[in-house]
């Protein structure tokens, strides 16, 4: 027969083990099974190909999913889309200047992207024309399927 003292000692050890397991199991799962931080590029439907006129850069808005640990946030993003000619070739630029990340805009009369903050200028193909910008504009991966423009991951220019 079990004494009262050995029952209490067994009960205390059992509770201690349960509390340890309640803390250790989630911590172990967190350390051993990290979230998938990098998945295959999800293609986002950004625009209709016919909505982008050849030779006229168009700013488009789209919903982008951002993964932060286990939290997935949907946020609005923009890109400048350019069709250099009548073909299906499409270029999509990130909306930030490569100098300090300011928002730039298209100046039709100059035929250039202009950053109003520090006077950087970029051609329709993203090449630096003037200003302190150290490199060309960053591009999104782009593909055209069934007349729709799909935007992938951002590919910073080297």
Protein backbone atom coordinates (compact mmCIF):
# COMPACT_ATOMS: atom_id res chain seq x y z
CA UNK A 1 0.00 0.00 0.00
CA UNK A 2 1.18 3.54 -0.85
CA UNK A 3 1.74 6.02 1.94
CA UNK A 4 0.33 9.52 1.82
CA UNK A 5 3.85 10.97 1.60
CA UNK A 6 4.83 8.86 -1.46
CA UNK A 7 1.48 9.73 -3.13
CA UNK A 8 2.15 13.47 -2.74
CA UNK A 9 5.74 13.11 -3.98
CA UNK A 10 4.51 11.15 -7.03
CA UNK A 11 1.78 13.73 -7.66
CA UNK A 12 4.27 16.63 -7.45
CA UNK A 13 6.64 14.87 -9.89
CA UNK A 14 3.78 14.16 -12.29
CA UNK A 15 2.68 17.84 -12.23
CA UNK A 16 6.28 18.95 -12.69
CA UNK A 17 6.57 16.64 -15.72
CA UNK A 18 3.28 17.92 -17.20
CA UNK A 19 4.34 21.57 -16.84
CA UNK A 20 7.75 20.80 -18.37
CA UNK A 21 6.07 19.03 -21.30
CA UNK A 22 3.61 21.92 -21.76
CA UNK A 23 6.55 24.30 -22.19
CA UNK A 24 9.06 22.02 -23.94
CA UNK A 25 6.84 20.56 -26.67
CA UNK A 26 5.83 23.92 -28.26
CA UNK A 27 9.41 25.18 -27.91
CA UNK A 28 10.74 22.05 -29.60
CA UNK A 29 8.23 22.33 -32.44
CA UNK A 30 9.17 25.99 -32.90
CA UNK A 31 12.90 25.19 -33.07
CA UNK A 32 12.77 21.97 -35.08
CA UNK A 33 10.05 22.87 -37.61
CA UNK A 34 10.49 26.51 -38.70
CA UNK A 35 7.84 28.02 -40.99
CA UNK A 36 8.33 27.87 -44.74
CA UNK A 37 9.90 31.27 -45.28
CA UNK A 38 10.57 30.83 -48.99
CA UNK A 39 8.05 29.18 -51.26
CA UNK A 40 8.02 28.97 -55.01
CA UNK A 41 7.25 32.33 -56.53
CA UNK A 42 3.52 32.96 -56.50
CA UNK A 43 2.41 34.77 -59.62
CA UNK A 44 0.06 37.66 -58.96
CA UNK A 45 -2.45 38.77 -61.59
CA UNK A 46 -1.59 42.46 -62.04
CA UNK A 47 -3.26 43.74 -65.20
CA UNK A 48 -4.65 43.03 -68.63
CA UNK A 49 -2.07 43.23 -71.43
CA UNK A 50 -4.39 45.38 -73.55
CA UNK A 51 -4.58 47.99 -70.73
CA UNK A 52 -0.87 48.78 -71.11
CA UNK A 53 -0.17 50.85 -74.22
CA UNK A 54 3.15 50.25 -76.00
CA UNK A 55 5.71 52.92 -75.13
CA UNK A 56 3.62 54.34 -72.26
CA UNK A 57 4.56 53.17 -68.74
CA UNK A 58 1.51 52.37 -66.62
CA UNK A 59 1.39 52.17 -62.83
CA UNK A 60 -0.69 49.23 -61.62
CA UNK A 61 -1.80 48.21 -58.13
CA UNK A 62 -2.14 44.64 -56.89
CA UNK A 63 -2.51 42.67 -53.65
CA UNK A 64 0.71 41.05 -52.45
CA UNK A 65 1.02 38.43 -49.68
CA UNK A 66 3.90 38.96 -47.26
CA UNK A 67 5.01 36.13 -44.97
CA UNK A 68 6.45 37.09 -41.58
CA UNK A 69 7.06 33.90 -39.62
CA UNK A 70 3.67 32.27 -39.34
CA UNK A 71 1.81 35.50 -40.03
CA UNK A 72 0.66 36.07 -43.63
CA UNK A 73 -0.35 39.63 -44.44
CA UNK A 74 -2.04 40.84 -47.61
CA UNK A 75 -0.92 44.32 -48.58
CA UNK A 76 -1.35 46.65 -51.52
CA UNK A 77 1.67 47.03 -53.79
CA UNK A 78 2.34 48.86 -57.05
CA UNK A 79 4.57 48.39 -60.07
CA UNK A 80 5.36 50.34 -63.21
CA UNK A 81 4.64 48.17 -66.26
CA UNK A 82 6.24 48.96 -69.63
CA UNK A 83 5.58 47.43 -73.05
CA UNK A 84 8.52 48.52 -75.21
CA UNK A 85 6.72 47.58 -78.45
CA UNK A 86 3.55 45.94 -79.80
CA UNK A 87 4.75 42.45 -78.82
CA UNK A 88 4.04 40.56 -75.62
CA UNK A 89 7.32 41.56 -73.99
CA UNK A 90 6.59 43.30 -70.69
CA UNK A 91 8.85 44.82 -68.03
CA UNK A 92 7.67 45.55 -64.47
CA UNK A 93 9.67 47.87 -62.23
CA UNK A 94 9.52 48.25 -58.45
CA UNK A 95 8.15 51.72 -57.56
CA UNK A 96 11.17 52.77 -55.49
CA UNK A 97 14.18 54.73 -56.70
CA UNK A 98 17.43 52.80 -56.25
CA UNK A 99 19.10 55.78 -54.58
CA UNK A 100 17.15 56.13 -51.31
CA UNK A 101 13.87 54.33 -52.03
CA UNK A 102 11.77 57.39 -52.90
CA UNK A 103 8.70 57.02 -55.12
CA UNK A 104 9.32 58.12 -58.70
CA UNK A 105 6.89 58.97 -61.51
CA UNK A 106 6.78 58.99 -65.30
CA UNK A 107 7.39 62.29 -67.09
CA UNK A 108 5.87 61.93 -70.58
CA UNK A 109 7.51 65.08 -72.00
CA UNK A 110 11.00 63.92 -70.87
CA UNK A 111 10.24 60.26 -71.64
CA UNK A 112 11.89 59.29 -68.35
CA UNK A 113 11.10 58.11 -64.85
CA UNK A 114 11.95 60.98 -62.51
CA UNK A 115 12.60 60.89 -58.77
CA UNK A 116 11.52 64.31 -57.46
CA UNK A 117 13.52 64.05 -54.22
CA UNK A 118 17.07 63.74 -55.54
CA UNK A 119 16.70 64.30 -59.32
CA UNK A 120 17.53 60.76 -60.43
CA UNK A 121 16.25 59.93 -63.90
CA UNK A 122 15.73 56.52 -65.49
CA UNK A 123 14.96 55.50 -69.06
CA UNK A 124 11.92 53.46 -70.06
CA UNK A 125 14.08 50.34 -69.71
CA UNK A 126 15.18 51.30 -66.18
CA UNK A 127 18.72 52.46 -67.00
CA UNK A 128 20.07 55.41 -64.99
CA UNK A 129 20.12 58.59 -67.11
CA UNK A 130 21.06 61.16 -64.45
CA UNK A 131 21.34 61.75 -60.74
CA UNK A 132 22.76 59.99 -57.74
CA UNK A 133 21.03 56.63 -58.29
CA UNK A 134 23.79 53.95 -58.14
CA UNK A 135 22.09 51.29 -60.28
CA UNK A 136 19.14 50.66 -62.63
CA UNK A 137 15.60 50.15 -61.37
CA UNK A 138 14.77 46.84 -59.68
CA UNK A 139 12.49 44.56 -61.70
CA UNK A 140 9.76 42.09 -60.93
CA UNK A 141 9.72 38.72 -62.66
CA UNK A 142 6.97 38.98 -65.29
CA UNK A 143 5.09 36.60 -67.55
CA UNK A 144 2.07 36.97 -69.81
CA UNK A 145 -0.56 34.21 -69.83
CA UNK A 146 -3.84 34.39 -71.74
CA UNK A 147 -3.55 38.15 -72.19
CA UNK A 148 -2.99 38.77 -68.45
CA UNK A 149 0.20 40.19 -66.95
CA UNK A 150 1.45 38.17 -63.98
CA UNK A 151 4.03 39.57 -61.56
CA UNK A 152 6.39 37.35 -59.58
CA UNK A 153 9.11 38.03 -57.06
CA UNK A 154 11.22 41.18 -56.97
CA UNK A 155 14.66 40.73 -58.51
CA UNK A 156 17.03 43.50 -57.36
CA UNK A 157 19.40 44.66 -60.07
CA UNK A 158 23.01 43.73 -59.33
